[in-house]
Amino acid sequence: MSTQPPQWGQPAPQSPYPPAVPPQNPYGSGYPQQAPMGYPAPGPAAYGLAMKRRNPFAAWLGLPIITLGIYSIVWHYKVNKEMAQFDSRRHINPAMSVLAITLGAFLFIPPLVSVFNTGGRISEAQRAAGLTPSCSGGIGLLLAFIGFHALYYQFELNKVVDHYGKVEPGTQVPLAV
């Protein structure tokens, strides 16, 4: 290689090294490489395990009638356990939720708190999946008085499951927030 600078109108000598490729900016040129304030960082925020899609009518009426009400307790445990596995950043104890709706029924208040909190957890699961939260613990609590909260909650949980498409339960899925 010559050490002489190129003359005007002549091509510059070729470097023996490949040209440097600048990293791609996910926000486009002219923007800083990190996420601007108020915008999420590129890529998933975390990972969780996919939940099982259930038939809301079977969870609400069919299986509880067949099992004389036992399935309602099992359903409550399973959905709380799946939400804990879906977003492990949140501390959810499904056993305490079941204790609140079974033994806590003697005190009247614990089952109401558990049903309300389950609605809030479903709302947080919707947010973590990148959906606009549409589940309300207050609506679930009102529906609990007439026995429809499981139907409402299962419809809301299925929105999270459907967001990921046909994914097997227990498969790792990305969380948006």
N, C-alpha and C. Protein backbone atom coordinates (compact mmCIF):
# COMPACT_ATOMS: atom_id res chain seq x y z
N MET A 1 0.84 -1.19 0.00
CA MET A 1 0.00 0.00 0.00
C MET A 1 0.87 1.24 0.00
N SER A 2 0.41 2.20 -0.69
CA SER A 2 1.21 3.42 -0.73
C SER A 2 0.80 4.31 0.42
N THR A 3 1.76 5.06 0.88
CA THR A 3 1.50 5.97 1.99
C THR A 3 1.16 7.36 1.49
N GLN A 4 1.18 7.54 0.20
CA GLN A 4 0.87 8.84 -0.39
C GLN A 4 -0.64 9.07 -0.36
N PRO A 5 -1.12 10.27 -0.02
CA PRO A 5 -2.55 10.54 -0.07
C PRO A 5 -3.02 10.52 -1.52
N PRO A 6 -4.28 10.14 -1.77
CA PRO A 6 -4.76 10.09 -3.15
C PRO A 6 -4.82 11.50 -3.75
N GLN A 7 -4.55 11.56 -5.01
CA GLN A 7 -4.61 12.83 -5.74
C GLN A 7 -6.06 13.14 -6.07
N TRP A 8 -6.34 14.42 -6.28
CA TRP A 8 -7.69 14.85 -6.62
C TRP A 8 -8.13 14.18 -7.90
N GLY A 9 -9.35 13.54 -7.86
CA GLY A 9 -9.90 12.88 -9.03
C GLY A 9 -9.50 11.43 -9.15
N GLN A 10 -8.62 10.93 -8.30
CA GLN A 10 -8.23 9.52 -8.34
C GLN A 10 -8.94 8.79 -7.20
N PRO A 11 -9.27 7.49 -7.39
CA PRO A 11 -9.94 6.76 -6.31
C PRO A 11 -8.99 6.54 -5.13
N ALA A 12 -9.59 6.49 -3.96
CA ALA A 12 -8.80 6.23 -2.75
C ALA A 12 -8.35 4.77 -2.76
N PRO A 13 -7.17 4.49 -2.22
CA PRO A 13 -6.71 3.10 -2.19
C PRO A 13 -7.64 2.25 -1.32
N GLN A 14 -7.79 0.98 -1.67
CA GLN A 14 -8.65 0.05 -0.94
C GLN A 14 -7.96 -0.42 0.33
N SER A 15 -8.72 -0.50 1.40
CA SER A 15 -8.21 -0.98 2.68
C SER A 15 -8.25 -2.51 2.68
N PRO A 16 -7.27 -3.17 3.31
CA PRO A 16 -7.31 -4.63 3.38
C PRO A 16 -8.36 -5.14 4.37
N TYR A 17 -8.94 -4.26 5.16
CA TYR A 17 -9.93 -4.65 6.16
C TYR A 17 -11.34 -4.44 5.62
N PRO A 18 -12.28 -5.31 6.04
CA PRO A 18 -13.66 -5.11 5.57
C PRO A 18 -14.22 -3.81 6.16
N PRO A 19 -15.16 -3.19 5.45
CA PRO A 19 -15.72 -1.93 5.96
C PRO A 19 -16.51 -2.18 7.24
N ALA A 20 -16.42 -1.22 8.13
CA ALA A 20 -17.16 -1.32 9.40
C ALA A 20 -18.65 -1.11 9.11
N VAL A 21 -19.47 -1.98 9.68
CA VAL A 21 -20.92 -1.87 9.51
C VAL A 21 -21.47 -1.33 10.82
N PRO A 22 -22.08 -0.16 10.79
CA PRO A 22 -22.62 0.37 12.04
C PRO A 22 -23.79 -0.50 12.52
N PRO A 23 -23.96 -0.63 13.84
CA PRO A 23 -25.10 -1.41 14.33
C PRO A 23 -26.41 -0.76 13.93
N GLN A 24 -27.41 -1.59 13.67
CA GLN A 24 -28.72 -1.08 13.28
C GLN A 24 -29.43 -0.51 14.50
N ASN A 25 -29.97 0.67 14.34
CA ASN A 25 -30.71 1.31 15.41
C ASN A 25 -32.19 0.94 15.26
N PRO A 26 -32.78 0.24 16.25
CA PRO A 26 -34.18 -0.18 16.12
C PRO A 26 -35.16 0.99 16.07
N TYR A 27 -34.71 2.20 16.44
CA TYR A 27 -35.60 3.35 16.46
C TYR A 27 -35.45 4.20 15.20
N GLY A 28 -34.58 3.78 14.27
CA GLY A 28 -34.39 4.52 13.03
C GLY A 28 -33.22 5.48 13.16
N SER A 29 -32.75 5.96 12.03
CA SER A 29 -31.61 6.87 12.05
C SER A 29 -32.06 8.21 12.63
N GLY A 30 -31.13 8.87 13.27
CA GLY A 30 -31.44 10.16 13.86
C GLY A 30 -31.94 10.07 15.29
N TYR A 31 -32.13 8.85 15.81
CA TYR A 31 -32.58 8.68 17.18
C TYR A 31 -31.47 8.03 17.99
N PRO A 32 -31.43 8.26 19.28
CA PRO A 32 -30.39 7.62 20.10
C PRO A 32 -30.58 6.11 20.13
N GLN A 33 -29.48 5.38 20.40
CA GLN A 33 -29.52 3.91 20.39
C GLN A 33 -30.40 3.36 21.51
N GLN A 34 -30.42 3.98 22.68
CA GLN A 34 -31.29 3.50 23.75
C GLN A 34 -32.72 4.00 23.53
N ALA A 35 -33.64 3.38 24.23
CA ALA A 35 -35.05 3.74 24.07
C ALA A 35 -35.29 5.15 24.57
N PRO A 36 -36.01 5.97 23.80
CA PRO A 36 -36.35 7.31 24.28
C PRO A 36 -37.26 7.21 25.50
N MET A 37 -37.24 8.23 26.31
CA MET A 37 -38.05 8.23 27.53
C MET A 37 -39.53 8.03 27.19
N GLY A 38 -40.16 7.10 27.89
CA GLY A 38 -41.57 6.84 27.66
C GLY A 38 -41.83 5.75 26.65
N TYR A 39 -40.78 5.22 26.01
CA TYR A 39 -40.94 4.15 25.03
C TYR A 39 -40.30 2.88 25.57
N PRO A 40 -40.90 1.72 25.29
CA PRO A 40 -40.31 0.48 25.79
C PRO A 40 -39.00 0.15 25.08
N ALA A 41 -38.14 -0.55 25.77
CA ALA A 41 -36.89 -1.00 25.18
C ALA A 41 -37.19 -2.07 24.13
N PRO A 42 -36.33 -2.20 23.11
CA PRO A 42 -36.59 -3.22 22.10
C PRO A 42 -36.48 -4.62 22.69
N GLY A 43 -37.29 -5.53 22.19
CA GLY A 43 -37.25 -6.91 22.67
C GLY A 43 -38.17 -7.12 23.85
N PRO A 44 -38.31 -8.38 24.27
CA PRO A 44 -39.21 -8.68 25.39
C PRO A 44 -38.65 -8.19 26.72
N ALA A 45 -39.54 -7.83 27.61
CA ALA A 45 -39.15 -7.37 28.94
C ALA A 45 -38.75 -8.56 29.81
N ALA A 46 -39.38 -9.70 29.59
CA ALA A 46 -39.11 -10.92 30.34
C ALA A 46 -39.75 -12.08 29.59
N TYR A 47 -39.64 -13.25 30.16
CA TYR A 47 -40.27 -14.44 29.58
C TYR A 47 -41.10 -15.12 30.65
N GLY A 48 -42.16 -15.78 30.22
CA GLY A 48 -43.01 -16.53 31.14
C GLY A 48 -43.50 -17.79 30.45
N LEU A 49 -44.34 -18.54 31.15
CA LEU A 49 -44.88 -19.77 30.59
C LEU A 49 -46.33 -19.55 30.15
N ALA A 50 -46.66 -20.08 28.99
CA ALA A 50 -48.00 -19.91 28.43
C ALA A 50 -49.03 -20.61 29.32
N MET A 51 -50.21 -20.02 29.38
CA MET A 51 -51.31 -20.58 30.17
C MET A 51 -52.19 -21.47 29.30
N LYS A 52 -53.04 -22.24 29.95
CA LYS A 52 -53.94 -23.15 29.25
C LYS A 52 -55.24 -22.42 28.90
N ARG A 53 -55.71 -22.67 27.68
CA ARG A 53 -57.01 -22.11 27.26
C ARG A 53 -58.11 -23.05 27.74
N ARG A 54 -59.08 -22.52 28.44
CA ARG A 54 -60.19 -23.32 28.96
C ARG A 54 -61.50 -22.81 28.38
N ASN A 55 -62.45 -23.71 28.28
CA ASN A 55 -63.80 -23.34 27.87
C ASN A 55 -64.45 -22.60 29.05
N PRO A 56 -64.82 -21.34 28.89
CA PRO A 56 -65.38 -20.58 30.01
C PRO A 56 -66.66 -21.19 30.58
N PHE A 57 -67.49 -21.75 29.72
CA PHE A 57 -68.74 -22.32 30.21
C PHE A 57 -68.51 -23.61 30.98
N ALA A 58 -67.52 -24.38 30.58
CA ALA A 58 -67.17 -25.60 31.32
C ALA A 58 -66.59 -25.24 32.68
N ALA A 59 -65.74 -24.22 32.72
CA ALA A 59 -65.14 -23.80 33.99
C ALA A 59 -66.16 -23.16 34.93
N TRP A 60 -67.15 -22.53 34.36
CA TRP A 60 -68.13 -21.82 35.17
C TRP A 60 -69.27 -22.72 35.65
N LEU A 61 -69.80 -23.58 34.77
CA LEU A 61 -71.01 -24.32 35.12
C LEU A 61 -70.87 -25.83 34.97
N GLY A 62 -70.34 -26.27 33.84
CA GLY A 62 -70.33 -27.70 33.54
C GLY A 62 -69.56 -28.54 34.53
N LEU A 63 -68.29 -28.29 34.68
CA LEU A 63 -67.46 -29.10 35.58
C LEU A 63 -67.81 -28.89 37.05
N PRO A 64 -68.13 -27.69 37.51
CA PRO A 64 -68.55 -27.57 38.91
C PRO A 64 -69.82 -28.37 39.24
N ILE A 65 -70.75 -28.47 38.29
CA ILE A 65 -71.95 -29.27 38.56
C ILE A 65 -71.60 -30.75 38.65
N ILE A 66 -70.78 -31.21 37.70
CA ILE A 66 -70.40 -32.63 37.68
C ILE A 66 -69.63 -33.01 38.94
N THR A 67 -68.75 -32.13 39.42
CA THR A 67 -67.90 -32.45 40.58
C THR A 67 -68.47 -31.92 41.89
N LEU A 68 -69.71 -31.49 41.90
CA LEU A 68 -70.38 -30.97 43.10
C LEU A 68 -69.62 -29.78 43.71
N GLY A 69 -69.10 -28.94 42.86
CA GLY A 69 -68.46 -27.71 43.31
C GLY A 69 -66.95 -27.80 43.52
N ILE A 70 -66.39 -29.00 43.52
CA ILE A 70 -64.95 -29.16 43.76
C ILE A 70 -64.14 -28.48 42.65
N TYR A 71 -64.60 -28.56 41.41
CA TYR A 71 -63.82 -27.99 40.30
C TYR A 71 -63.67 -26.48 40.44
N SER A 72 -64.59 -25.81 41.07
CA SER A 72 -64.46 -24.36 41.27
C SER A 72 -63.21 -24.04 42.08
N ILE A 73 -62.95 -24.85 43.08
CA ILE A 73 -61.76 -24.66 43.91
C ILE A 73 -60.50 -25.01 43.11
N VAL A 74 -60.56 -26.10 42.36
CA VAL A 74 -59.44 -26.52 41.53
C VAL A 74 -59.15 -25.45 40.47
N TRP A 75 -60.19 -24.93 39.83
CA TRP A 75 -60.03 -23.89 38.82
C TRP A 75 -59.34 -22.66 39.41
N HIS A 76 -59.80 -22.25 40.60
CA HIS A 76 -59.22 -21.07 41.25
C HIS A 76 -57.73 -21.29 41.52
N TYR A 77 -57.37 -22.46 41.97
CA TYR A 77 -55.95 -22.78 42.22
C TYR A 77 -55.16 -22.77 40.91
N LYS A 78 -55.69 -23.44 39.89
CA LYS A 78 -54.96 -23.57 38.63
C LYS A 78 -54.72 -22.22 37.94
N VAL A 79 -55.73 -21.37 37.89
CA VAL A 79 -55.53 -20.09 37.19
C VAL A 79 -54.54 -19.21 37.95
N ASN A 80 -54.58 -19.24 39.28
CA ASN A 80 -53.61 -18.45 40.05
C ASN A 80 -52.19 -19.01 39.89
N LYS A 81 -52.07 -20.34 39.84
CA LYS A 81 -50.75 -20.96 39.63
C LYS A 81 -50.22 -20.63 38.24
N GLU A 82 -51.07 -20.70 37.23
CA GLU A 82 -50.64 -20.39 35.86
C GLU A 82 -50.25 -18.92 35.73
N MET A 83 -50.95 -18.02 36.41
CA MET A 83 -50.57 -16.60 36.35
C MET A 83 -49.23 -16.37 37.04
N ALA A 84 -48.95 -17.13 38.11
CA ALA A 84 -47.65 -17.03 38.78
C ALA A 84 -46.53 -17.50 37.85
N GLN A 85 -46.78 -18.55 37.08
CA GLN A 85 -45.78 -19.05 36.14
C GLN A 85 -45.69 -18.17 34.89
N PHE A 86 -46.79 -17.55 34.52
CA PHE A 86 -46.80 -16.68 33.34
C PHE A 86 -45.91 -15.46 33.57
N ASP A 87 -46.01 -14.86 34.74
CA ASP A 87 -45.18 -13.69 35.06
C ASP A 87 -44.57 -13.91 36.43
N SER A 88 -43.38 -14.50 36.45
CA SER A 88 -42.73 -14.84 37.72
C SER A 88 -42.23 -13.61 38.47
N ARG A 89 -42.30 -12.43 37.85
CA ARG A 89 -41.91 -11.21 38.55
C ARG A 89 -42.93 -10.83 39.61
N ARG A 90 -44.14 -11.37 39.50
CA ARG A 90 -45.20 -11.10 40.48
C ARG A 90 -45.29 -12.25 41.46
N HIS A 91 -45.43 -11.95 42.72
CA HIS A 91 -45.55 -12.99 43.74
C HIS A 91 -47.03 -13.34 43.92
N ILE A 92 -47.38 -14.56 43.50
CA ILE A 92 -48.75 -15.05 43.63
C ILE A 92 -48.67 -16.40 44.33
N ASN A 93 -49.40 -16.54 45.41
CA ASN A 93 -49.44 -17.80 46.15
C ASN A 93 -50.81 -18.43 45.92
N PRO A 94 -50.91 -19.42 45.01
CA PRO A 94 -52.21 -20.01 44.71
C PRO A 94 -52.82 -20.75 45.89
N ALA A 95 -51.99 -21.32 46.76
CA ALA A 95 -52.52 -22.05 47.92
C ALA A 95 -53.25 -21.09 48.87
N MET A 96 -52.70 -19.90 49.07
CA MET A 96 -53.36 -18.93 49.94
C MET A 96 -54.67 -18.45 49.32
N SER A 97 -54.70 -18.34 48.00
CA SER A 97 -55.95 -17.95 47.33
C SER A 97 -57.04 -18.99 47.58
N VAL A 98 -56.66 -20.26 47.52
CA VAL A 98 -57.64 -21.33 47.75
C VAL A 98 -58.07 -21.36 49.22
N LEU A 99 -57.12 -21.18 50.13
CA LEU A 99 -57.49 -21.12 51.55
C LEU A 99 -58.46 -19.99 51.82
N ALA A 100 -58.26 -18.88 51.15
CA ALA A 100 -59.14 -17.73 51.36
C ALA A 100 -60.56 -18.03 50.90
N ILE A 101 -60.71 -18.75 49.77
CA ILE A 101 -62.08 -19.00 49.29
C ILE A 101 -62.72 -20.21 49.95
N THR A 102 -61.93 -21.06 50.63
CA THR A 102 -62.52 -22.23 51.29
C THR A 102 -62.68 -21.97 52.79
N LEU A 103 -61.58 -22.04 53.53
CA LEU A 103 -61.67 -21.84 54.98
C LEU A 103 -61.98 -20.39 55.35
N GLY A 104 -61.55 -19.47 54.52
CA GLY A 104 -61.83 -18.06 54.78
C GLY A 104 -63.29 -17.70 54.63
N ALA A 105 -64.07 -18.58 54.03
CA ALA A 105 -65.50 -18.31 53.84
C ALA A 105 -66.22 -18.16 55.18
N PHE A 106 -65.68 -18.75 56.23
CA PHE A 106 -66.30 -18.62 57.55
C PHE A 106 -66.21 -17.18 58.07
N LEU A 107 -65.25 -16.42 57.54
CA LEU A 107 -65.07 -15.02 57.96
C LEU A 107 -65.69 -14.04 56.97
N PHE A 108 -66.19 -14.51 55.85
CA PHE A 108 -66.89 -13.77 54.81
C PHE A 108 -65.99 -12.86 53.97
N ILE A 109 -65.04 -12.16 54.57
CA ILE A 109 -64.22 -11.19 53.84
C ILE A 109 -63.11 -11.83 53.00
N PRO A 110 -62.37 -12.83 53.48
CA PRO A 110 -61.26 -13.37 52.68
C PRO A 110 -61.64 -13.87 51.28
N PRO A 111 -62.78 -14.54 51.09
CA PRO A 111 -63.10 -14.94 49.72
C PRO A 111 -63.34 -13.75 48.79
N LEU A 112 -63.93 -12.69 49.33
CA LEU A 112 -64.16 -11.50 48.52
C LEU A 112 -62.84 -10.86 48.11
N VAL A 113 -61.89 -10.81 49.04
CA VAL A 113 -60.57 -10.24 48.74
C VAL A 113 -59.86 -11.11 47.69
N SER A 114 -59.96 -12.42 47.84
CA SER A 114 -59.29 -13.32 46.89
C SER A 114 -59.88 -13.19 45.49
N VAL A 115 -61.19 -13.11 45.38
CA VAL A 115 -61.83 -12.95 44.07
C VAL A 115 -61.44 -11.61 43.46
N PHE A 116 -61.44 -10.55 44.27
CA PHE A 116 -61.04 -9.23 43.77
C PHE A 116 -59.58 -9.24 43.30
N ASN A 117 -58.68 -9.83 44.11
CA ASN A 117 -57.26 -9.88 43.75
C ASN A 117 -57.01 -10.71 42.51
N THR A 118 -57.78 -11.77 42.31
CA THR A 118 -57.63 -12.58 41.10
C THR A 118 -57.94 -11.75 39.86
N GLY A 119 -58.94 -10.91 39.94
CA GLY A 119 -59.25 -10.01 38.82
C GLY A 119 -58.10 -9.05 38.54
N GLY A 120 -57.48 -8.54 39.59
CA GLY A 120 -56.32 -7.67 39.41
C GLY A 120 -55.14 -8.41 38.80
N ARG A 121 -54.96 -9.66 39.19
CA ARG A 121 -53.87 -10.46 38.61
C ARG A 121 -54.11 -10.73 37.13
N ILE A 122 -55.36 -10.98 36.77
CA ILE A 122 -55.68 -11.19 35.36
C ILE A 122 -55.40 -9.92 34.57
N SER A 123 -55.76 -8.78 35.13
CA SER A 123 -55.49 -7.50 34.48
C SER A 123 -53.99 -7.30 34.29
N GLU A 124 -53.18 -7.64 35.30
CA GLU A 124 -51.73 -7.53 35.19
C GLU A 124 -51.17 -8.51 34.15
N ALA A 125 -51.76 -9.70 34.05
CA ALA A 125 -51.33 -10.66 33.03
C ALA A 125 -51.63 -10.12 31.64
N GLN A 126 -52.77 -9.46 31.48
CA GLN A 126 -53.10 -8.85 30.19
C GLN A 126 -52.09 -7.76 29.85
N ARG A 127 -51.73 -6.96 30.82
CA ARG A 127 -50.75 -5.89 30.60
C ARG A 127 -49.38 -6.49 30.26
N ALA A 128 -48.97 -7.54 30.96
CA ALA A 128 -47.68 -8.18 30.71
C ALA A 128 -47.62 -8.80 29.32
N ALA A 129 -48.76 -9.24 28.80
CA ALA A 129 -48.81 -9.82 27.46
C ALA A 129 -48.79 -8.75 26.38
N GLY A 130 -48.95 -7.50 26.76
CA GLY A 130 -48.97 -6.42 25.78
C GLY A 130 -50.37 -6.02 25.35
N LEU A 131 -51.37 -6.51 26.06
CA LEU A 131 -52.76 -6.16 25.76
C LEU A 131 -53.20 -4.99 26.64
N THR A 132 -54.24 -4.34 26.23
CA THR A 132 -54.85 -3.32 27.07
C THR A 132 -55.67 -4.04 28.14
N PRO A 133 -55.37 -3.80 29.42
CA PRO A 133 -56.11 -4.51 30.47
C PRO A 133 -57.60 -4.21 30.41
N SER A 134 -58.41 -5.28 30.39
CA SER A 134 -59.86 -5.12 30.34
C SER A 134 -60.55 -5.83 31.49
N CYS A 135 -59.80 -6.55 32.31
CA CYS A 135 -60.40 -7.27 33.43
C CYS A 135 -60.45 -6.37 34.65
N SER A 136 -61.55 -6.44 35.36
CA SER A 136 -61.73 -5.62 36.55
C SER A 136 -62.07 -6.51 37.74
N GLY A 137 -61.29 -6.36 38.81
CA GLY A 137 -61.59 -7.09 40.03
C GLY A 137 -62.92 -6.69 40.63
N GLY A 138 -63.30 -5.43 40.45
CA GLY A 138 -64.59 -4.95 40.97
C GLY A 138 -65.76 -5.61 40.26
N ILE A 139 -65.67 -5.72 38.93
CA ILE A 139 -66.74 -6.40 38.19
C ILE A 139 -66.78 -7.87 38.58
N GLY A 140 -65.60 -8.48 38.71
CA GLY A 140 -65.54 -9.88 39.14
C GLY A 140 -66.15 -10.09 40.51
N LEU A 141 -65.91 -9.14 41.41
CA LEU A 141 -66.48 -9.22 42.75
C LEU A 141 -68.00 -9.11 42.71
N LEU A 142 -68.53 -8.19 41.92
CA LEU A 142 -69.98 -8.07 41.79
C LEU A 142 -70.58 -9.33 41.18
N LEU A 143 -69.90 -9.88 40.17
CA LEU A 143 -70.40 -11.11 39.54
C LEU A 143 -70.30 -12.32 40.47
N ALA A 144 -69.38 -12.27 41.44
CA ALA A 144 -69.25 -13.37 42.40
C ALA A 144 -70.51 -13.53 43.25
N PHE A 145 -71.20 -12.43 43.50
CA PHE A 145 -72.41 -12.51 44.31
C PHE A 145 -73.53 -13.27 43.60
N ILE A 146 -73.50 -13.31 42.28
CA ILE A 146 -74.52 -14.07 41.54
C ILE A 146 -73.93 -15.32 40.87
N GLY A 147 -72.63 -15.59 41.15
CA GLY A 147 -72.01 -16.83 40.68
C GLY A 147 -71.46 -16.81 39.27
N PHE A 148 -71.17 -15.64 38.72
CA PHE A 148 -70.69 -15.56 37.34
C PHE A 148 -69.23 -15.11 37.22
N HIS A 149 -68.51 -14.99 38.33
CA HIS A 149 -67.15 -14.46 38.24
C HIS A 149 -66.21 -15.39 37.48
N ALA A 150 -66.35 -16.71 37.63
CA ALA A 150 -65.47 -17.64 36.92
C ALA A 150 -65.65 -17.54 35.41
N LEU A 151 -66.88 -17.36 34.97
CA LEU A 151 -67.16 -17.19 33.54
C LEU A 151 -66.47 -15.94 33.01
N TYR A 152 -66.63 -14.83 33.71
CA TYR A 152 -66.02 -13.56 33.31
C TYR A 152 -64.49 -13.66 33.32
N TYR A 153 -63.93 -14.20 34.40
CA TYR A 153 -62.48 -14.30 34.52
C TYR A 153 -61.89 -15.22 33.46
N GLN A 154 -62.56 -16.31 33.15
CA GLN A 154 -62.01 -17.23 32.15
C GLN A 154 -62.04 -16.60 30.76
N PHE A 155 -63.08 -15.85 30.44
CA PHE A 155 -63.10 -15.12 29.17
C PHE A 155 -61.91 -14.15 29.10
N GLU A 156 -61.63 -13.45 30.19
CA GLU A 156 -60.53 -12.49 30.23
C GLU A 156 -59.17 -13.19 30.15
N LEU A 157 -59.02 -14.33 30.81
CA LEU A 157 -57.77 -15.09 30.73
C LEU A 157 -57.54 -15.62 29.32
N ASN A 158 -58.61 -16.03 28.66
CA ASN A 158 -58.47 -16.55 27.30
C ASN A 158 -57.97 -15.48 26.33
N LYS A 159 -58.19 -14.21 26.64
CA LYS A 159 -57.65 -13.14 25.79
C LYS A 159 -56.12 -13.18 25.81
N VAL A 160 -55.55 -13.44 26.98
CA VAL A 160 -54.09 -13.53 27.11
C VAL A 160 -53.59 -14.76 26.34
N VAL A 161 -54.26 -15.88 26.52
CA VAL A 161 -53.85 -17.12 25.85
C VAL A 161 -53.96 -16.96 24.34
N ASP A 162 -55.04 -16.37 23.86
CA ASP A 162 -55.24 -16.19 22.42
C ASP A 162 -54.25 -15.21 21.81
N HIS A 163 -53.74 -14.29 22.61
CA HIS A 163 -52.77 -13.31 22.12
C HIS A 163 -51.50 -14.01 21.59
N TYR A 164 -51.13 -15.14 22.17
CA TYR A 164 -49.93 -15.86 21.77
C TYR A 164 -50.20 -16.91 20.70
N GLY A 165 -51.42 -17.05 20.27
CA GLY A 165 -51.75 -18.02 19.23
C GLY A 165 -51.83 -19.43 19.80
N LYS A 166 -51.63 -20.40 18.93
CA LYS A 166 -51.74 -21.81 19.34
C LYS A 166 -50.41 -22.28 19.92
N VAL A 167 -50.18 -21.91 21.17
CA VAL A 167 -48.96 -22.29 21.88
C VAL A 167 -49.36 -23.29 22.97
N GLU A 168 -48.57 -24.34 23.10
CA GLU A 168 -48.84 -25.34 24.14
C GLU A 168 -48.68 -24.72 25.52
N PRO A 169 -49.54 -25.08 26.48
CA PRO A 169 -49.37 -24.58 27.85
C PRO A 169 -48.00 -24.99 28.39
N GLY A 170 -47.34 -24.08 29.06
CA GLY A 170 -46.02 -24.34 29.62
C GLY A 170 -44.88 -23.96 28.69
N THR A 171 -45.19 -23.54 27.47
CA THR A 171 -44.17 -23.08 26.53
C THR A 171 -43.74 -21.67 26.91
N GLN A 172 -42.46 -21.39 26.74
CA GLN A 172 -41.95 -20.06 27.06
C GLN A 172 -42.44 -19.03 26.06
N VAL A 173 -42.99 -17.93 26.58
CA VAL A 173 -43.50 -16.85 25.74
C VAL A 173 -42.91 -15.53 26.22
N PRO A 174 -42.75 -14.55 25.29
CA PRO A 174 -42.20 -13.26 25.70
C PRO A 174 -43.27 -12.39 26.35
N LEU A 175 -42.85 -11.62 27.33
CA LEU A 175 -43.73 -10.66 28.00
C LEU A 175 -43.37 -9.27 27.51
N ALA A 176 -44.36 -8.46 27.23
CA ALA A 176 -44.14 -7.13 26.66
C ALA A 176 -43.74 -6.11 27.72
N VAL A 177 -44.30 -6.20 28.87
CA VAL A 177 -44.04 -5.21 29.93
C VAL A 177 -43.57 -5.91 31.16
